[in-house]
Amino acid sequence: MQNFISLLLVLSGFWSSLNSQTLSKETILIETAYGNIKLKLYEETPLHKANFLKLVKEHYFDSLLFHRVINNFMIQGGDHLSKYAKPGDSLGHGEIGYTLPAEFNRALIHKKGRLAAARDGDDVNPRQESSPSQFYIVMGKVRTMEDLKKYEERINKTHYTRCGREFMKTEEGVRLNQIQARLKNENKTDSVALVTAQIESAIQAEHLKTQEYKFDKHQVDTYTTVGGTPHLDGTYTVFGEVIEGLEVIDKIAGVKTDKRDRPLTDIRMKISLIR
């Protein structure tokens, strides 16, 4: 029994270490017409932390909009073009000339209230680098085990697709693609099928080099109780969390929006550093 208890203590320490975050000494204040939100950044994501603090100190975010909000999902802002945007303007494509390398961390998940960096899609951004200015705060919702199973399948399918995209850029991928195109033009259906199978086999081999994605105990416990957006884990950098004002996220996410998810009434922000 004593050995069993010792094992439990070791495992408890392991999970605590794996799923803990070191909060910054700095506190970020986001002021809105719907109330205030206080954030802490993570020491485990030093590049995102330093960049966000730099922009806050420069008052970059002041008067910008939460330009994209989706109820039960997230609220997003940080596009400098939103400062003087007219009603109906399309937003979300304003950038400031650089990106940040992804800082993925298995312990930093998309729990409700987490701060994360927006980014361009995988098709134009295969390294999944972050926007330096556009961010979102997770709202999400409580998930079921069935939901999580579907998200695991979705994440693994996305990885397979990414492997395929990268393989087709290789010398072998280009060669097989050219052969496939020639055979299609020659209406050699059986030969096309053989080359297609060869391509799929090569992609599958690359896909299997990475262990199949499964949500761990911490993720399962979090998403089935507190809630969040689990399908974004491991693909967008999470670099902070709300320590006060979760109810403000719900209020903002619940406003009426247009077909682009932009609030019909502008929601401006002021972000400052407090101690």
Protein backbone atom coordinates (compact mmCIF):
# COMPACT_ATOMS: atom_id res chain seq x y z
CA MET A 1 0.00 0.00 0.00
CA GLN A 2 2.83 2.39 0.83
CA ASN A 3 4.42 1.80 -2.57
CA PHE A 4 1.08 2.40 -4.25
CA ILE A 5 0.62 5.71 -2.42
CA SER A 6 4.15 6.73 -3.39
CA LEU A 7 3.35 5.98 -7.03
CA LEU A 8 0.21 8.13 -6.84
CA LEU A 9 2.23 11.02 -5.42
CA VAL A 10 4.78 10.72 -8.22
CA LEU A 11 2.06 10.65 -10.86
CA SER A 12 0.29 13.58 -9.23
CA GLY A 13 3.50 15.60 -9.35
CA PHE A 14 4.02 14.62 -12.98
CA TRP A 15 0.56 15.81 -14.06
CA SER A 16 0.89 19.00 -12.01
CA SER A 17 4.19 19.78 -13.72
CA LEU A 18 2.88 18.87 -17.18
CA ASN A 19 -0.25 20.98 -16.90
CA SER A 20 1.02 23.99 -14.95
CA GLN A 21 1.81 27.40 -16.35
CA THR A 22 4.08 30.12 -15.03
CA LEU A 23 2.16 33.40 -15.01
CA SER A 24 3.95 36.64 -15.78
CA LYS A 25 4.44 39.21 -13.06
CA GLU A 26 2.84 41.74 -15.40
CA THR A 27 -0.94 42.06 -15.60
CA ILE A 28 -2.68 43.20 -18.77
CA LEU A 29 -5.90 45.23 -18.56
CA ILE A 30 -8.35 45.29 -21.48
CA GLU A 31 -11.00 47.97 -21.08
CA THR A 32 -14.23 47.77 -23.11
CA ALA A 33 -17.72 49.19 -22.97
CA TYR A 34 -18.88 45.78 -21.73
CA GLY A 35 -16.48 45.68 -18.79
CA ASN A 36 -12.82 45.01 -18.08
CA ILE A 37 -10.71 41.90 -18.60
CA LYS A 38 -7.45 41.19 -16.78
CA LEU A 39 -4.85 38.86 -18.30
CA LYS A 40 -1.60 37.21 -17.35
CA LEU A 41 0.89 36.02 -19.97
CA TYR A 42 2.88 32.78 -19.87
CA GLU A 43 6.61 32.54 -19.26
CA GLU A 44 6.55 29.32 -21.35
CA THR A 45 5.91 31.41 -24.51
CA PRO A 46 8.64 34.08 -24.21
CA LEU A 47 8.50 35.35 -27.80
CA HIS A 48 4.75 35.95 -27.72
CA LYS A 49 4.94 37.41 -24.23
CA ALA A 50 7.69 39.90 -25.12
CA ASN A 51 5.97 40.93 -28.36
CA PHE A 52 2.57 41.47 -26.72
CA LEU A 53 4.07 43.53 -23.89
CA LYS A 54 5.96 45.64 -26.44
CA LEU A 55 2.78 46.43 -28.37
CA VAL A 56 0.87 47.20 -25.18
CA LYS A 57 3.57 49.62 -24.00
CA GLU A 58 3.44 51.32 -27.41
CA HIS A 59 -0.38 51.68 -27.02
CA TYR A 60 -0.75 49.83 -30.31
CA PHE A 61 -4.13 48.30 -29.37
CA ASP A 62 -5.83 51.47 -28.14
CA SER A 63 -9.10 52.17 -29.99
CA LEU A 64 -8.86 48.99 -32.09
CA LEU A 65 -11.97 46.82 -32.44
CA PHE A 66 -12.94 43.34 -31.50
CA HIS A 67 -13.65 42.82 -35.17
CA ARG A 68 -14.62 39.12 -35.16
CA VAL A 69 -16.75 37.51 -32.47
CA ILE A 70 -18.46 34.13 -32.55
CA ASN A 71 -20.67 33.03 -29.70
CA ASN A 72 -19.47 29.85 -27.97
CA PHE A 73 -16.16 30.15 -29.82
CA MET A 74 -13.99 33.26 -29.32
CA ILE A 75 -13.57 37.05 -29.57
CA GLN A 76 -10.80 38.42 -31.80
CA GLY A 77 -9.09 41.80 -32.23
CA GLY A 78 -5.77 43.47 -32.96
CA ASP A 79 -6.16 44.46 -36.61
CA HIS A 80 -4.71 47.99 -36.90
CA LEU A 81 -7.00 48.66 -39.87
CA SER A 82 -9.99 48.46 -37.53
CA LYS A 83 -9.13 51.74 -35.82
CA TYR A 84 -10.70 53.85 -38.54
CA ALA A 85 -12.84 51.17 -40.21
CA LYS A 86 -16.22 52.17 -41.58
CA PRO A 87 -19.35 50.11 -40.91
CA GLY A 88 -19.33 47.01 -43.11
CA ASP A 89 -15.61 47.11 -43.88
CA SER A 90 -13.95 43.70 -44.08
CA LEU A 91 -11.38 43.32 -41.29
CA GLY A 92 -8.82 40.79 -40.14
CA HIS A 93 -6.22 41.17 -42.90
CA GLY A 94 -4.23 44.04 -41.40
CA GLU A 95 -0.71 43.04 -40.35
CA ILE A 96 2.41 44.90 -39.21
CA GLY A 97 5.18 43.35 -41.30
CA TYR A 98 6.43 40.29 -39.40
CA THR A 99 5.31 37.01 -37.86
CA LEU A 100 6.20 35.09 -34.72
CA PRO A 101 7.42 31.48 -34.69
CA ALA A 102 4.88 29.10 -33.19
CA GLU A 103 5.45 28.30 -29.51
CA PHE A 104 3.28 25.22 -29.09
CA ASN A 105 3.13 23.64 -25.66
CA ARG A 106 1.01 20.57 -24.90
CA ALA A 107 0.14 22.00 -21.47
CA LEU A 108 -1.19 25.28 -22.92
CA ILE A 109 -4.61 24.33 -24.20
CA HIS A 110 -7.64 26.25 -25.49
CA LYS A 111 -9.50 26.34 -22.20
CA LYS A 112 -12.15 29.04 -21.79
CA GLY A 113 -10.43 32.36 -21.06
CA ARG A 114 -7.14 31.55 -22.74
CA LEU A 115 -5.35 34.16 -24.85
CA ALA A 116 -4.00 32.94 -28.20
CA ALA A 117 -2.44 34.32 -31.38
CA ALA A 118 -4.40 34.41 -34.62
CA ARG A 119 -2.62 33.45 -37.84
CA ASP A 120 -3.00 32.80 -41.56
CA GLY A 121 -4.20 29.36 -42.66
CA ASP A 122 -1.94 26.37 -43.23
CA ASP A 123 -2.16 26.66 -47.01
CA VAL A 124 -0.17 29.92 -46.97
CA ASN A 125 1.42 29.45 -43.56
CA PRO A 126 2.67 25.84 -43.26
CA ARG A 127 4.86 26.66 -40.25
CA GLN A 128 1.78 27.96 -38.43
CA GLU A 129 3.51 31.20 -37.48
CA SER A 130 1.52 33.69 -35.43
CA SER A 131 0.27 37.15 -36.21
CA PRO A 132 2.18 39.54 -33.93
CA SER A 133 -0.86 41.71 -33.27
CA GLN A 134 -4.10 39.83 -33.87
CA PHE A 135 -5.21 37.76 -30.92
CA TYR A 136 -8.28 35.97 -29.69
CA ILE A 137 -9.69 35.04 -26.29
CA VAL A 138 -11.36 31.66 -26.08
CA MET A 139 -15.00 31.41 -25.09
CA GLY A 140 -15.87 27.91 -26.27
CA LYS A 141 -18.30 25.66 -24.46
CA VAL A 142 -18.40 22.45 -22.44
CA ARG A 143 -17.79 19.41 -24.66
CA THR A 144 -18.85 15.78 -24.51
CA MET A 145 -16.61 12.75 -24.95
CA GLU A 146 -18.27 12.25 -28.33
CA ASP A 147 -17.28 15.80 -29.28
CA LEU A 148 -13.66 15.15 -28.28
CA LYS A 149 -13.52 11.96 -30.33
CA LYS A 150 -14.67 13.88 -33.41
CA TYR A 151 -12.07 16.58 -32.75
CA GLU A 152 -9.30 13.97 -32.47
CA GLU A 153 -10.32 12.65 -35.88
CA ARG A 154 -10.39 16.18 -37.27
CA ILE A 155 -6.93 17.01 -35.91
CA ASN A 156 -5.44 13.79 -37.32
CA LYS A 157 -7.11 14.38 -40.68
CA THR A 158 -5.67 17.91 -40.78
CA HIS A 159 -2.22 16.50 -40.07
CA TYR A 160 -2.63 13.98 -42.91
CA THR A 161 -3.63 16.79 -45.27
CA ARG A 162 -0.60 18.83 -44.24
CA CYS A 163 1.68 15.84 -44.85
CA GLY A 164 0.16 15.48 -48.30
CA ARG A 165 0.68 19.12 -49.13
CA GLU A 166 4.33 18.94 -48.06
CA PHE A 167 4.99 15.65 -49.88
CA MET A 168 3.66 17.03 -53.16
CA LYS A 169 6.28 19.80 -52.93
CA THR A 170 9.13 17.27 -52.78
CA GLU A 171 11.02 16.07 -55.85
CA GLU A 172 9.30 12.67 -55.66
CA GLY A 173 5.89 14.25 -55.17
CA VAL A 174 6.34 16.53 -58.18
CA ARG A 175 7.52 13.57 -60.29
CA LEU A 176 4.54 11.40 -59.37
CA ASN A 177 2.12 14.26 -59.91
CA GLN A 178 3.49 14.82 -63.41
CA ILE A 179 3.19 11.12 -64.23
CA GLN A 180 -0.36 11.07 -62.87
CA ALA A 181 -1.34 14.09 -65.00
CA ARG A 182 0.15 12.52 -68.15
CA LEU A 183 -1.66 9.23 -67.57
CA LYS A 184 -4.95 11.05 -67.02
CA ASN A 185 -4.53 12.84 -70.36
CA GLU A 186 -3.90 9.46 -71.98
CA ASN A 187 -7.04 8.03 -70.32
CA LYS A 188 -5.03 5.20 -68.74
CA THR A 189 -7.37 4.74 -65.78
CA ASP A 190 -5.71 1.66 -64.29
CA SER A 191 -2.26 3.27 -64.39
CA VAL A 192 -3.63 6.46 -62.81
CA ALA A 193 -5.03 4.38 -59.96
CA LEU A 194 -1.63 2.75 -59.37
CA VAL A 195 0.18 6.10 -59.23
CA THR A 196 -2.54 7.54 -56.97
CA ALA A 197 -2.09 4.60 -54.61
CA GLN A 198 1.68 5.19 -54.61
CA ILE A 199 1.16 8.86 -53.70
CA GLU A 200 -1.30 8.00 -50.92
CA SER A 201 1.08 5.37 -49.54
CA ALA A 202 3.91 7.91 -49.38
CA ILE A 203 1.69 10.48 -47.64
CA GLN A 204 0.46 7.88 -45.16
CA ALA A 205 4.05 6.92 -44.35
CA GLU A 206 4.85 10.55 -43.52
CA HIS A 207 1.65 10.88 -41.50
CA LEU A 208 2.47 7.81 -39.40
CA LYS A 209 5.86 9.24 -38.42
CA THR A 210 3.93 11.37 -35.94
CA GLN A 211 1.98 9.64 -33.18
CA GLU A 212 -1.79 9.79 -33.59
CA TYR A 213 -3.23 12.75 -31.69
CA LYS A 214 -5.18 11.91 -28.54
CA PHE A 215 -6.49 14.28 -25.89
CA ASP A 216 -4.79 13.64 -22.56
CA LYS A 217 -6.48 13.45 -19.16
CA HIS A 218 -6.00 17.15 -18.45
CA GLN A 219 -7.62 18.12 -21.74
CA VAL A 220 -10.52 15.72 -21.27
CA ASP A 221 -11.16 16.92 -17.71
CA THR A 222 -10.96 20.59 -18.76
CA TYR A 223 -13.09 20.42 -21.88
CA THR A 224 -15.84 18.33 -20.28
CA THR A 225 -16.15 20.65 -17.25
CA VAL A 226 -14.91 24.21 -17.95
CA GLY A 227 -15.08 24.09 -21.75
CA GLY A 228 -13.11 25.64 -24.58
CA THR A 229 -12.16 25.02 -28.21
CA PRO A 230 -10.23 21.72 -28.25
CA HIS A 231 -9.83 21.42 -32.02
CA LEU A 232 -7.38 24.37 -32.00
CA ASP A 233 -4.89 22.69 -29.65
CA GLY A 234 -1.44 22.24 -31.11
CA THR A 235 -2.10 24.46 -34.11
CA TYR A 236 -2.43 27.96 -32.59
CA THR A 237 -0.12 29.38 -29.93
CA VAL A 238 -1.76 29.93 -26.53
CA PHE A 239 0.25 32.50 -24.56
CA GLY A 240 -1.89 33.81 -21.69
CA GLU A 241 -5.11 33.56 -19.70
CA VAL A 242 -7.88 35.66 -18.22
CA ILE A 243 -7.61 36.02 -14.45
CA GLU A 244 -10.61 38.34 -14.09
CA GLY A 245 -13.57 39.20 -16.33
CA LEU A 246 -14.65 35.93 -17.95
CA GLU A 247 -18.21 37.22 -17.96
CA VAL A 248 -17.12 40.10 -20.23
CA ILE A 249 -16.06 37.59 -22.90
CA ASP A 250 -19.55 36.09 -22.82
CA LYS A 251 -21.16 39.52 -23.16
CA ILE A 252 -19.02 40.49 -26.15
CA ALA A 253 -19.43 37.11 -27.84
CA GLY A 254 -23.21 37.41 -27.54
CA VAL A 255 -23.62 40.64 -29.54
CA LYS A 256 -25.29 40.76 -32.95
CA THR A 257 -22.90 40.48 -35.88
CA ASP A 258 -22.90 40.70 -39.68
CA LYS A 259 -22.17 37.84 -42.09
CA ARG A 260 -18.40 38.30 -41.48
CA ASP A 261 -18.88 37.94 -37.69
CA ARG A 262 -18.12 41.63 -37.15
CA PRO A 263 -20.24 43.22 -34.40
CA LEU A 264 -22.91 45.53 -35.80
CA THR A 265 -21.97 48.05 -33.11
CA ASP A 266 -18.24 48.68 -32.77
CA ILE A 267 -16.58 47.28 -29.65
CA ARG A 268 -13.36 49.19 -29.01
CA MET A 269 -10.57 48.19 -26.68
CA LYS A 270 -7.93 49.93 -24.64
CA ILE A 271 -5.10 47.72 -23.45
CA SER A 272 -2.65 48.81 -20.76
CA LEU A 273 -0.11 47.34 -18.40
CA ILE A 274 -0.87 47.32 -14.68
CA ARG A 275 1.04 45.90 -11.73
